[in-house]
Amino acid sequence: MTHYCLDACSLINLFCGWGGIQELHAFGDSWSTSRTALAEFTEIREWCQDGSIIRRPIDEAAICGGSPLCVHSATGDDELATLSRLSMVIDDGEAECLAIAKHRGLILVSDDGLAVSHAAKEGVPAVSSIQLLIEWSNLDTTSKPRLREIASRIELLARYVPPPQSPYRAWWDSL
């Protein structure tokens, strides 16, 4: 079983794309986020029936309900020292997720280039939400037809598009 720790940006991207994160069940893996990263996810953009997009508050129960996601806080001297050091160079949510991933042997899930760069420096494996979507679509080929809609939802609701230098940008653009 693989263990992942999602930062706020990846969590928001997957939540917006899928319309929730229950799809994480399809992987059969272990999923975590940090208390700080979850606290950064306070509102969601969603489509109304008239086609407009509105913002509405969202809470932990609405995000995590029915999903396999566990919420952790950095604990112990080593995690807290790493968190403190990383918080000087990356956002607090990414720093806590990366500290937890480093000291608990997890894979960081992030779409933040700076966080991924620091993960590499810390010796922590990292994947993007786009890599997870590709893997998810390969687990069940009936999900492939949904990818275009999922990418559109991520672009419009999460306001994310892989950067031009991303190795997954061509795949994204093909959708």
N, C-alpha and C. Protein backbone atom coordinates (compact mmCIF):
# COMPACT_ATOMS: atom_id res chain seq x y z
N MET A 1 0.85 -1.18 0.00
CA MET A 1 0.00 0.00 0.00
C MET A 1 0.89 1.24 0.00
N THR A 2 0.54 2.21 -0.79
CA THR A 2 1.26 3.47 -0.87
C THR A 2 0.58 4.49 0.02
N HIS A 3 1.37 5.34 0.64
CA HIS A 3 0.85 6.36 1.54
C HIS A 3 1.17 7.73 0.98
N TYR A 4 0.15 8.58 0.87
CA TYR A 4 0.29 9.91 0.30
C TYR A 4 -0.12 10.98 1.29
N CYS A 5 0.48 12.17 1.14
CA CYS A 5 0.07 13.34 1.92
C CYS A 5 -0.21 14.48 0.94
N LEU A 6 -1.47 14.89 0.83
CA LEU A 6 -1.90 15.92 -0.11
C LEU A 6 -1.80 17.30 0.51
N ASP A 7 -1.17 18.23 -0.21
CA ASP A 7 -1.19 19.61 0.25
C ASP A 7 -2.48 20.28 -0.22
N ALA A 8 -2.68 21.52 0.17
CA ALA A 8 -3.94 22.21 -0.11
C ALA A 8 -4.23 22.34 -1.61
N CYS A 9 -3.21 22.71 -2.40
CA CYS A 9 -3.48 22.92 -3.82
C CYS A 9 -3.90 21.62 -4.51
N SER A 10 -3.24 20.52 -4.19
CA SER A 10 -3.62 19.26 -4.82
C SER A 10 -4.99 18.79 -4.34
N LEU A 11 -5.26 19.01 -3.06
CA LEU A 11 -6.56 18.65 -2.50
C LEU A 11 -7.68 19.44 -3.18
N ILE A 12 -7.46 20.73 -3.36
CA ILE A 12 -8.46 21.59 -4.02
C ILE A 12 -8.64 21.16 -5.47
N ASN A 13 -7.53 20.89 -6.18
CA ASN A 13 -7.64 20.48 -7.58
C ASN A 13 -8.44 19.19 -7.73
N LEU A 14 -8.13 18.19 -6.91
CA LEU A 14 -8.85 16.92 -7.01
C LEU A 14 -10.30 17.07 -6.57
N PHE A 15 -10.54 17.82 -5.52
CA PHE A 15 -11.91 18.03 -5.04
C PHE A 15 -12.75 18.71 -6.13
N CYS A 16 -12.21 19.76 -6.72
CA CYS A 16 -12.95 20.46 -7.78
C CYS A 16 -13.14 19.58 -9.01
N GLY A 17 -12.10 18.85 -9.39
CA GLY A 17 -12.19 18.01 -10.58
C GLY A 17 -13.22 16.90 -10.44
N TRP A 18 -13.16 16.20 -9.33
CA TRP A 18 -14.06 15.07 -9.12
C TRP A 18 -15.40 15.48 -8.51
N GLY A 19 -15.47 16.67 -7.94
CA GLY A 19 -16.68 17.06 -7.21
C GLY A 19 -16.69 16.45 -5.82
N GLY A 20 -15.53 16.22 -5.25
CA GLY A 20 -15.33 15.59 -3.94
C GLY A 20 -14.09 14.72 -4.04
N ILE A 21 -13.69 14.14 -2.93
CA ILE A 21 -12.47 13.31 -2.98
C ILE A 21 -12.74 11.84 -2.68
N GLN A 22 -13.99 11.44 -2.81
CA GLN A 22 -14.32 10.04 -2.58
C GLN A 22 -13.62 9.11 -3.58
N GLU A 23 -13.25 9.64 -4.74
CA GLU A 23 -12.57 8.82 -5.75
C GLU A 23 -11.23 8.28 -5.25
N LEU A 24 -10.70 8.86 -4.18
CA LEU A 24 -9.45 8.34 -3.62
C LEU A 24 -9.60 6.88 -3.20
N HIS A 25 -10.82 6.45 -2.90
CA HIS A 25 -11.07 5.05 -2.54
C HIS A 25 -10.62 4.10 -3.66
N ALA A 26 -10.70 4.55 -4.91
CA ALA A 26 -10.37 3.69 -6.05
C ALA A 26 -8.92 3.22 -6.03
N PHE A 27 -8.05 3.97 -5.39
CA PHE A 27 -6.63 3.64 -5.37
C PHE A 27 -6.30 2.51 -4.41
N GLY A 28 -7.04 2.37 -3.34
CA GLY A 28 -6.72 1.37 -2.33
C GLY A 28 -5.48 1.75 -1.54
N ASP A 29 -5.13 3.03 -1.52
CA ASP A 29 -3.95 3.50 -0.83
C ASP A 29 -4.36 4.29 0.41
N SER A 30 -3.38 4.78 1.13
CA SER A 30 -3.59 5.57 2.34
C SER A 30 -3.42 7.05 2.00
N TRP A 31 -4.33 7.88 2.48
CA TRP A 31 -4.35 9.31 2.13
C TRP A 31 -4.36 10.16 3.38
N SER A 32 -3.51 11.19 3.38
CA SER A 32 -3.42 12.11 4.50
C SER A 32 -3.32 13.53 3.97
N THR A 33 -3.58 14.46 4.87
CA THR A 33 -3.27 15.87 4.67
C THR A 33 -2.90 16.42 6.02
N SER A 34 -2.44 17.65 6.03
CA SER A 34 -2.09 18.25 7.31
C SER A 34 -3.22 19.15 7.79
N ARG A 35 -3.26 19.36 9.07
CA ARG A 35 -4.26 20.25 9.66
C ARG A 35 -4.15 21.65 9.04
N THR A 36 -2.91 22.13 8.83
CA THR A 36 -2.70 23.46 8.26
C THR A 36 -3.17 23.52 6.81
N ALA A 37 -2.84 22.50 6.02
CA ALA A 37 -3.28 22.48 4.62
C ALA A 37 -4.80 22.46 4.54
N LEU A 38 -5.43 21.67 5.38
CA LEU A 38 -6.89 21.60 5.36
C LEU A 38 -7.50 22.94 5.77
N ALA A 39 -6.85 23.64 6.69
CA ALA A 39 -7.34 24.95 7.12
C ALA A 39 -7.24 26.00 6.01
N GLU A 40 -6.39 25.75 5.02
CA GLU A 40 -6.27 26.67 3.88
C GLU A 40 -7.40 26.49 2.86
N PHE A 41 -8.12 25.40 2.97
CA PHE A 41 -9.22 25.07 2.05
C PHE A 41 -10.52 25.51 2.73
N THR A 42 -10.87 26.77 2.57
CA THR A 42 -12.01 27.33 3.31
C THR A 42 -13.23 27.64 2.44
N GLU A 43 -13.03 27.68 1.14
CA GLU A 43 -14.16 27.93 0.25
C GLU A 43 -13.99 27.16 -1.04
N ILE A 44 -15.10 26.97 -1.69
CA ILE A 44 -15.13 26.21 -2.94
C ILE A 44 -15.87 27.04 -3.99
N ARG A 45 -15.41 26.95 -5.21
CA ARG A 45 -16.14 27.57 -6.32
C ARG A 45 -16.96 26.45 -6.95
N GLU A 46 -18.21 26.76 -7.26
CA GLU A 46 -19.06 25.75 -7.89
C GLU A 46 -20.00 26.40 -8.90
N TRP A 47 -20.43 25.54 -9.85
CA TRP A 47 -21.35 26.00 -10.89
C TRP A 47 -22.77 26.03 -10.36
N CYS A 48 -23.48 27.06 -10.78
CA CYS A 48 -24.92 27.14 -10.51
C CYS A 48 -25.66 26.63 -11.73
N GLN A 49 -26.95 26.37 -11.57
CA GLN A 49 -27.74 25.87 -12.69
C GLN A 49 -27.78 26.86 -13.85
N ASP A 50 -27.65 28.15 -13.57
CA ASP A 50 -27.68 29.14 -14.65
C ASP A 50 -26.33 29.29 -15.35
N GLY A 51 -25.33 28.48 -14.94
CA GLY A 51 -24.02 28.51 -15.58
C GLY A 51 -23.02 29.43 -14.90
N SER A 52 -23.47 30.21 -13.95
CA SER A 52 -22.55 31.09 -13.24
C SER A 52 -21.74 30.28 -12.22
N ILE A 53 -20.67 30.88 -11.77
CA ILE A 53 -19.81 30.25 -10.76
C ILE A 53 -19.87 31.10 -9.50
N ILE A 54 -20.14 30.46 -8.39
CA ILE A 54 -20.19 31.17 -7.11
C ILE A 54 -19.16 30.56 -6.15
N ARG A 55 -18.84 31.31 -5.12
CA ARG A 55 -17.99 30.82 -4.04
C ARG A 55 -18.88 30.55 -2.84
N ARG A 56 -18.57 29.47 -2.14
CA ARG A 56 -19.29 29.20 -0.91
C ARG A 56 -18.31 28.61 0.10
N PRO A 57 -18.56 28.87 1.37
CA PRO A 57 -17.69 28.31 2.41
C PRO A 57 -17.78 26.78 2.40
N ILE A 58 -16.69 26.16 2.81
CA ILE A 58 -16.66 24.71 2.92
C ILE A 58 -15.92 24.35 4.20
N ASP A 59 -16.36 23.30 4.85
CA ASP A 59 -15.72 22.90 6.10
C ASP A 59 -15.10 21.51 5.98
N GLU A 60 -14.41 21.10 7.03
CA GLU A 60 -13.70 19.83 7.02
C GLU A 60 -14.64 18.65 6.76
N ALA A 61 -15.82 18.68 7.36
CA ALA A 61 -16.76 17.56 7.17
C ALA A 61 -17.16 17.43 5.70
N ALA A 62 -17.39 18.54 5.03
CA ALA A 62 -17.78 18.51 3.62
C ALA A 62 -16.62 18.05 2.73
N ILE A 63 -15.40 18.38 3.12
CA ILE A 63 -14.24 17.98 2.34
C ILE A 63 -13.92 16.50 2.55
N CYS A 64 -13.88 16.09 3.80
CA CYS A 64 -13.38 14.75 4.14
C CYS A 64 -14.46 13.68 4.24
N GLY A 65 -15.71 14.09 4.39
CA GLY A 65 -16.79 13.13 4.59
C GLY A 65 -16.86 12.07 3.49
N GLY A 66 -16.86 10.82 3.89
CA GLY A 66 -16.96 9.72 2.93
C GLY A 66 -15.67 9.42 2.19
N SER A 67 -14.60 10.10 2.55
CA SER A 67 -13.33 9.86 1.87
C SER A 67 -12.38 9.11 2.81
N PRO A 68 -11.30 8.58 2.26
CA PRO A 68 -10.32 7.89 3.10
C PRO A 68 -9.24 8.83 3.66
N LEU A 69 -9.48 10.12 3.61
CA LEU A 69 -8.48 11.11 4.01
C LEU A 69 -8.38 11.26 5.52
N CYS A 70 -7.16 11.13 6.06
CA CYS A 70 -6.87 11.36 7.48
C CYS A 70 -6.17 12.70 7.61
N VAL A 71 -6.45 13.41 8.68
CA VAL A 71 -5.85 14.72 8.91
C VAL A 71 -4.85 14.61 10.06
N HIS A 72 -3.62 15.08 9.82
CA HIS A 72 -2.55 14.99 10.81
C HIS A 72 -1.96 16.37 11.07
N SER A 73 -1.34 16.50 12.21
CA SER A 73 -0.54 17.68 12.56
C SER A 73 0.89 17.23 12.76
N ALA A 74 1.81 18.13 12.47
CA ALA A 74 3.21 17.83 12.72
C ALA A 74 3.40 17.67 14.22
N THR A 75 4.09 16.61 14.61
CA THR A 75 4.35 16.33 16.03
C THR A 75 5.79 15.87 16.18
N GLY A 76 6.28 15.91 17.37
CA GLY A 76 7.64 15.44 17.63
C GLY A 76 8.68 16.46 17.22
N ASP A 77 9.82 16.38 17.85
CA ASP A 77 10.88 17.36 17.63
C ASP A 77 11.34 17.41 16.17
N ASP A 78 11.53 16.25 15.54
CA ASP A 78 12.04 16.23 14.17
C ASP A 78 11.06 16.85 13.19
N GLU A 79 9.79 16.44 13.26
CA GLU A 79 8.78 17.01 12.35
C GLU A 79 8.64 18.51 12.58
N LEU A 80 8.61 18.94 13.82
CA LEU A 80 8.43 20.36 14.12
C LEU A 80 9.64 21.18 13.68
N ALA A 81 10.83 20.63 13.82
CA ALA A 81 12.04 21.34 13.36
C ALA A 81 12.02 21.47 11.84
N THR A 82 11.65 20.40 11.15
CA THR A 82 11.56 20.45 9.68
C THR A 82 10.49 21.43 9.25
N LEU A 83 9.34 21.39 9.91
CA LEU A 83 8.25 22.33 9.61
C LEU A 83 8.73 23.77 9.78
N SER A 84 9.39 24.06 10.88
CA SER A 84 9.87 25.42 11.15
C SER A 84 10.84 25.88 10.07
N ARG A 85 11.76 25.01 9.68
CA ARG A 85 12.75 25.35 8.65
C ARG A 85 12.08 25.57 7.29
N LEU A 86 11.16 24.68 6.93
CA LEU A 86 10.50 24.78 5.62
C LEU A 86 9.53 25.95 5.54
N SER A 87 8.94 26.33 6.67
CA SER A 87 7.99 27.44 6.68
C SER A 87 8.63 28.76 6.29
N MET A 88 9.95 28.82 6.34
CA MET A 88 10.65 30.04 5.94
C MET A 88 10.76 30.16 4.42
N VAL A 89 10.55 29.04 3.70
CA VAL A 89 10.76 29.08 2.24
C VAL A 89 9.53 28.66 1.42
N ILE A 90 8.57 27.99 2.04
CA ILE A 90 7.33 27.62 1.34
C ILE A 90 6.15 27.91 2.26
N ASP A 91 4.95 27.90 1.70
CA ASP A 91 3.74 28.18 2.48
C ASP A 91 3.59 27.18 3.62
N ASP A 92 2.89 27.61 4.66
CA ASP A 92 2.75 26.80 5.87
C ASP A 92 2.11 25.43 5.61
N GLY A 93 1.06 25.39 4.78
CA GLY A 93 0.40 24.12 4.50
C GLY A 93 1.31 23.14 3.79
N GLU A 94 2.03 23.63 2.79
CA GLU A 94 2.97 22.77 2.07
C GLU A 94 4.10 22.34 3.00
N ALA A 95 4.55 23.27 3.86
CA ALA A 95 5.64 22.95 4.79
C ALA A 95 5.22 21.85 5.75
N GLU A 96 4.00 21.94 6.30
CA GLU A 96 3.57 20.91 7.24
C GLU A 96 3.39 19.57 6.52
N CYS A 97 2.79 19.58 5.34
CA CYS A 97 2.63 18.33 4.59
C CYS A 97 3.99 17.71 4.26
N LEU A 98 4.94 18.53 3.85
CA LEU A 98 6.26 18.02 3.50
C LEU A 98 6.98 17.48 4.74
N ALA A 99 6.87 18.16 5.87
CA ALA A 99 7.50 17.67 7.11
C ALA A 99 6.89 16.33 7.51
N ILE A 100 5.57 16.23 7.43
CA ILE A 100 4.90 14.97 7.77
C ILE A 100 5.33 13.86 6.80
N ALA A 101 5.33 14.18 5.50
CA ALA A 101 5.73 13.19 4.50
C ALA A 101 7.17 12.72 4.74
N LYS A 102 8.05 13.64 5.03
CA LYS A 102 9.46 13.29 5.23
C LYS A 102 9.64 12.34 6.41
N HIS A 103 9.04 12.66 7.52
CA HIS A 103 9.30 11.89 8.74
C HIS A 103 8.42 10.67 8.91
N ARG A 104 7.38 10.55 8.09
CA ARG A 104 6.50 9.38 8.18
C ARG A 104 6.61 8.49 6.95
N GLY A 105 7.52 8.83 6.05
CA GLY A 105 7.75 7.99 4.86
C GLY A 105 6.60 8.03 3.87
N LEU A 106 5.99 9.20 3.69
CA LEU A 106 4.86 9.36 2.77
C LEU A 106 5.33 10.00 1.47
N ILE A 107 4.50 9.92 0.46
CA ILE A 107 4.73 10.60 -0.81
C ILE A 107 3.95 11.91 -0.77
N LEU A 108 4.62 13.02 -1.04
CA LEU A 108 3.96 14.31 -1.09
C LEU A 108 3.18 14.45 -2.38
N VAL A 109 1.95 14.93 -2.29
CA VAL A 109 1.16 15.25 -3.47
C VAL A 109 1.04 16.77 -3.50
N SER A 110 1.62 17.38 -4.52
CA SER A 110 1.61 18.84 -4.61
C SER A 110 1.67 19.28 -6.06
N ASP A 111 1.00 20.38 -6.34
CA ASP A 111 1.07 21.02 -7.65
C ASP A 111 1.83 22.34 -7.55
N ASP A 112 2.46 22.55 -6.41
CA ASP A 112 3.23 23.76 -6.16
C ASP A 112 4.70 23.47 -6.49
N GLY A 113 5.21 24.13 -7.52
CA GLY A 113 6.56 23.87 -7.98
C GLY A 113 7.63 24.05 -6.91
N LEU A 114 7.48 25.07 -6.08
CA LEU A 114 8.46 25.32 -5.02
C LEU A 114 8.42 24.21 -3.97
N ALA A 115 7.23 23.75 -3.62
CA ALA A 115 7.11 22.65 -2.65
C ALA A 115 7.72 21.37 -3.21
N VAL A 116 7.48 21.09 -4.49
CA VAL A 116 8.05 19.89 -5.12
C VAL A 116 9.58 19.99 -5.16
N SER A 117 10.09 21.17 -5.45
CA SER A 117 11.54 21.38 -5.46
C SER A 117 12.14 21.11 -4.08
N HIS A 118 11.48 21.61 -3.04
CA HIS A 118 11.98 21.38 -1.69
C HIS A 118 11.81 19.91 -1.27
N ALA A 119 10.78 19.26 -1.77
CA ALA A 119 10.61 17.83 -1.48
C ALA A 119 11.82 17.06 -2.02
N ALA A 120 12.24 17.39 -3.23
CA ALA A 120 13.41 16.72 -3.82
C ALA A 120 14.66 16.97 -2.96
N LYS A 121 14.83 18.19 -2.48
CA LYS A 121 15.98 18.52 -1.62
C LYS A 121 15.93 17.74 -0.31
N GLU A 122 14.72 17.45 0.16
CA GLU A 122 14.55 16.72 1.42
C GLU A 122 14.55 15.21 1.23
N GLY A 123 14.63 14.77 -0.04
CA GLY A 123 14.62 13.33 -0.32
C GLY A 123 13.24 12.71 -0.20
N VAL A 124 12.21 13.54 -0.39
CA VAL A 124 10.82 13.07 -0.29
C VAL A 124 10.25 12.91 -1.69
N PRO A 125 9.75 11.72 -2.04
CA PRO A 125 9.13 11.56 -3.35
C PRO A 125 7.87 12.43 -3.44
N ALA A 126 7.62 12.97 -4.62
CA ALA A 126 6.45 13.83 -4.83
C ALA A 126 5.79 13.49 -6.15
N VAL A 127 4.48 13.61 -6.17
CA VAL A 127 3.68 13.45 -7.39
C VAL A 127 2.70 14.63 -7.44
N SER A 128 2.16 14.86 -8.62
CA SER A 128 1.18 15.93 -8.79
C SER A 128 -0.24 15.35 -8.83
N SER A 129 -1.21 16.22 -8.67
CA SER A 129 -2.59 15.76 -8.79
C SER A 129 -2.86 15.26 -10.20
N ILE A 130 -2.16 15.82 -11.19
CA ILE A 130 -2.33 15.36 -12.58
C ILE A 130 -1.85 13.92 -12.71
N GLN A 131 -0.74 13.58 -12.08
CA GLN A 131 -0.26 12.19 -12.11
C GLN A 131 -1.30 11.27 -11.48
N LEU A 132 -1.92 11.71 -10.39
CA LEU A 132 -2.95 10.89 -9.76
C LEU A 132 -4.16 10.72 -10.67
N LEU A 133 -4.55 11.78 -11.38
CA LEU A 133 -5.67 11.66 -12.32
C LEU A 133 -5.36 10.66 -13.43
N ILE A 134 -4.14 10.70 -13.93
CA ILE A 134 -3.73 9.75 -14.97
C ILE A 134 -3.80 8.33 -14.43
N GLU A 135 -3.25 8.13 -13.24
CA GLU A 135 -3.28 6.80 -12.62
C GLU A 135 -4.72 6.35 -12.38
N TRP A 136 -5.56 7.25 -11.86
CA TRP A 136 -6.96 6.96 -11.60
C TRP A 136 -7.67 6.53 -12.90
N SER A 137 -7.40 7.25 -13.99
CA SER A 137 -8.07 6.92 -15.26
C SER A 137 -7.59 5.58 -15.80
N ASN A 138 -6.39 5.15 -15.43
CA ASN A 138 -5.88 3.85 -15.87
C ASN A 138 -6.40 2.70 -15.01
N LEU A 139 -6.86 3.00 -13.79
CA LEU A 139 -7.40 1.96 -12.91
C LEU A 139 -8.72 1.42 -13.43
N ASP A 140 -9.49 2.30 -14.04
CA ASP A 140 -10.82 1.93 -14.54
C ASP A 140 -11.05 2.68 -15.84
N THR A 141 -10.96 1.98 -16.96
CA THR A 141 -11.05 2.65 -18.26
C THR A 141 -12.39 3.34 -18.49
N THR A 142 -13.42 2.99 -17.71
CA THR A 142 -14.70 3.69 -17.87
C THR A 142 -14.61 5.12 -17.35
N SER A 143 -13.55 5.45 -16.61
CA SER A 143 -13.39 6.82 -16.09
C SER A 143 -12.77 7.75 -17.13
N LYS A 144 -12.11 7.19 -18.15
CA LYS A 144 -11.43 8.01 -19.15
C LYS A 144 -12.34 9.04 -19.82
N PRO A 145 -13.59 8.70 -20.16
CA PRO A 145 -14.45 9.70 -20.80
C PRO A 145 -14.73 10.91 -19.90
N ARG A 146 -14.55 10.77 -18.61
CA ARG A 146 -14.80 11.88 -17.68
C ARG A 146 -13.62 12.86 -17.60
N LEU A 147 -12.46 12.49 -18.13
CA LEU A 147 -11.26 13.30 -17.96
C LEU A 147 -11.40 14.71 -18.52
N ARG A 148 -12.04 14.85 -19.65
CA ARG A 148 -12.21 16.18 -20.25
C ARG A 148 -13.02 17.09 -19.31
N GLU A 149 -14.10 16.55 -18.76
CA GLU A 149 -14.93 17.32 -17.82
C GLU A 149 -14.14 17.63 -16.54
N ILE A 150 -13.38 16.66 -16.05
CA ILE A 150 -12.59 16.85 -14.83
C ILE A 150 -11.55 17.94 -15.04
N ALA A 151 -10.85 17.91 -16.16
CA ALA A 151 -9.85 18.94 -16.46
C ALA A 151 -10.52 20.31 -16.56
N SER A 152 -11.66 20.38 -17.18
CA SER A 152 -12.39 21.64 -17.29
C SER A 152 -12.80 22.16 -15.92
N ARG A 153 -13.27 21.27 -15.07
CA ARG A 153 -13.65 21.67 -13.71
C ARG A 153 -12.45 22.19 -12.92
N ILE A 154 -11.30 21.55 -13.09
CA ILE A 154 -10.10 22.00 -12.39
C ILE A 154 -9.68 23.38 -12.90
N GLU A 155 -9.71 23.56 -14.22
CA GLU A 155 -9.34 24.86 -14.78
C GLU A 155 -10.27 25.97 -14.30
N LEU A 156 -11.57 25.73 -14.34
CA LEU A 156 -12.54 26.78 -14.02
C LEU A 156 -12.82 26.95 -12.53
N LEU A 157 -12.88 25.84 -11.81
CA LEU A 157 -13.25 25.93 -10.40
C LEU A 157 -12.04 26.04 -9.47
N ALA A 158 -10.98 25.32 -9.77
CA ALA A 158 -9.77 25.39 -8.94
C ALA A 158 -8.79 26.43 -9.49
N ARG A 159 -9.03 26.85 -10.72
CA ARG A 159 -8.16 27.81 -11.40
C ARG A 159 -6.72 27.30 -11.50
N TYR A 160 -6.61 26.05 -11.96
CA TYR A 160 -5.29 25.45 -12.11
C TYR A 160 -5.15 24.85 -13.50
N VAL A 161 -3.99 25.11 -14.10
CA VAL A 161 -3.57 24.48 -15.34
C VAL A 161 -2.10 24.12 -15.13
N PRO A 162 -1.68 22.91 -15.49
CA PRO A 162 -0.26 22.58 -15.31
C PRO A 162 0.61 23.61 -16.03
N PRO A 163 1.72 23.99 -15.43
CA PRO A 163 2.59 24.98 -16.08
C PRO A 163 3.17 24.44 -17.38
N PRO A 164 3.60 25.34 -18.27
CA PRO A 164 4.13 24.90 -19.57
C PRO A 164 5.27 23.89 -19.46
N GLN A 165 6.09 23.99 -18.42
CA GLN A 165 7.23 23.08 -18.29
C GLN A 165 6.86 21.73 -17.69
N SER A 166 5.61 21.55 -17.29
CA SER A 166 5.17 20.28 -16.71
C SER A 166 5.24 19.16 -17.74
N PRO A 167 5.75 17.99 -17.35
CA PRO A 167 5.77 16.86 -18.27
C PRO A 167 4.36 16.35 -18.60
N TYR A 168 3.37 16.85 -17.88
CA TYR A 168 1.98 16.41 -18.10
C TYR A 168 1.15 17.46 -18.85
N ARG A 169 1.78 18.55 -19.25
CA ARG A 169 1.05 19.62 -19.93
C ARG A 169 0.49 19.16 -21.28
N ALA A 170 1.25 18.41 -22.05
CA ALA A 170 0.76 17.93 -23.35
C ALA A 170 -0.43 17.00 -23.15
N TRP A 171 -0.36 16.13 -22.15
CA TRP A 171 -1.49 15.24 -21.84
C TRP A 171 -2.71 16.08 -21.50
N TRP A 172 -2.52 17.09 -20.65
CA TRP A 172 -3.61 17.98 -20.23
C TRP A 172 -4.22 18.67 -21.44
N ASP A 173 -3.36 19.26 -22.28
CA ASP A 173 -3.83 20.00 -23.45
C ASP A 173 -4.58 19.09 -24.43
N SER A 174 -4.22 17.80 -24.46
CA SER A 174 -4.89 16.87 -25.38
C SER A 174 -6.35 16.61 -24.96
N LEU A 175 -6.67 16.88 -23.71
CA LEU A 175 -8.04 16.68 -23.26
C LEU A 175 -8.96 17.74 -23.84
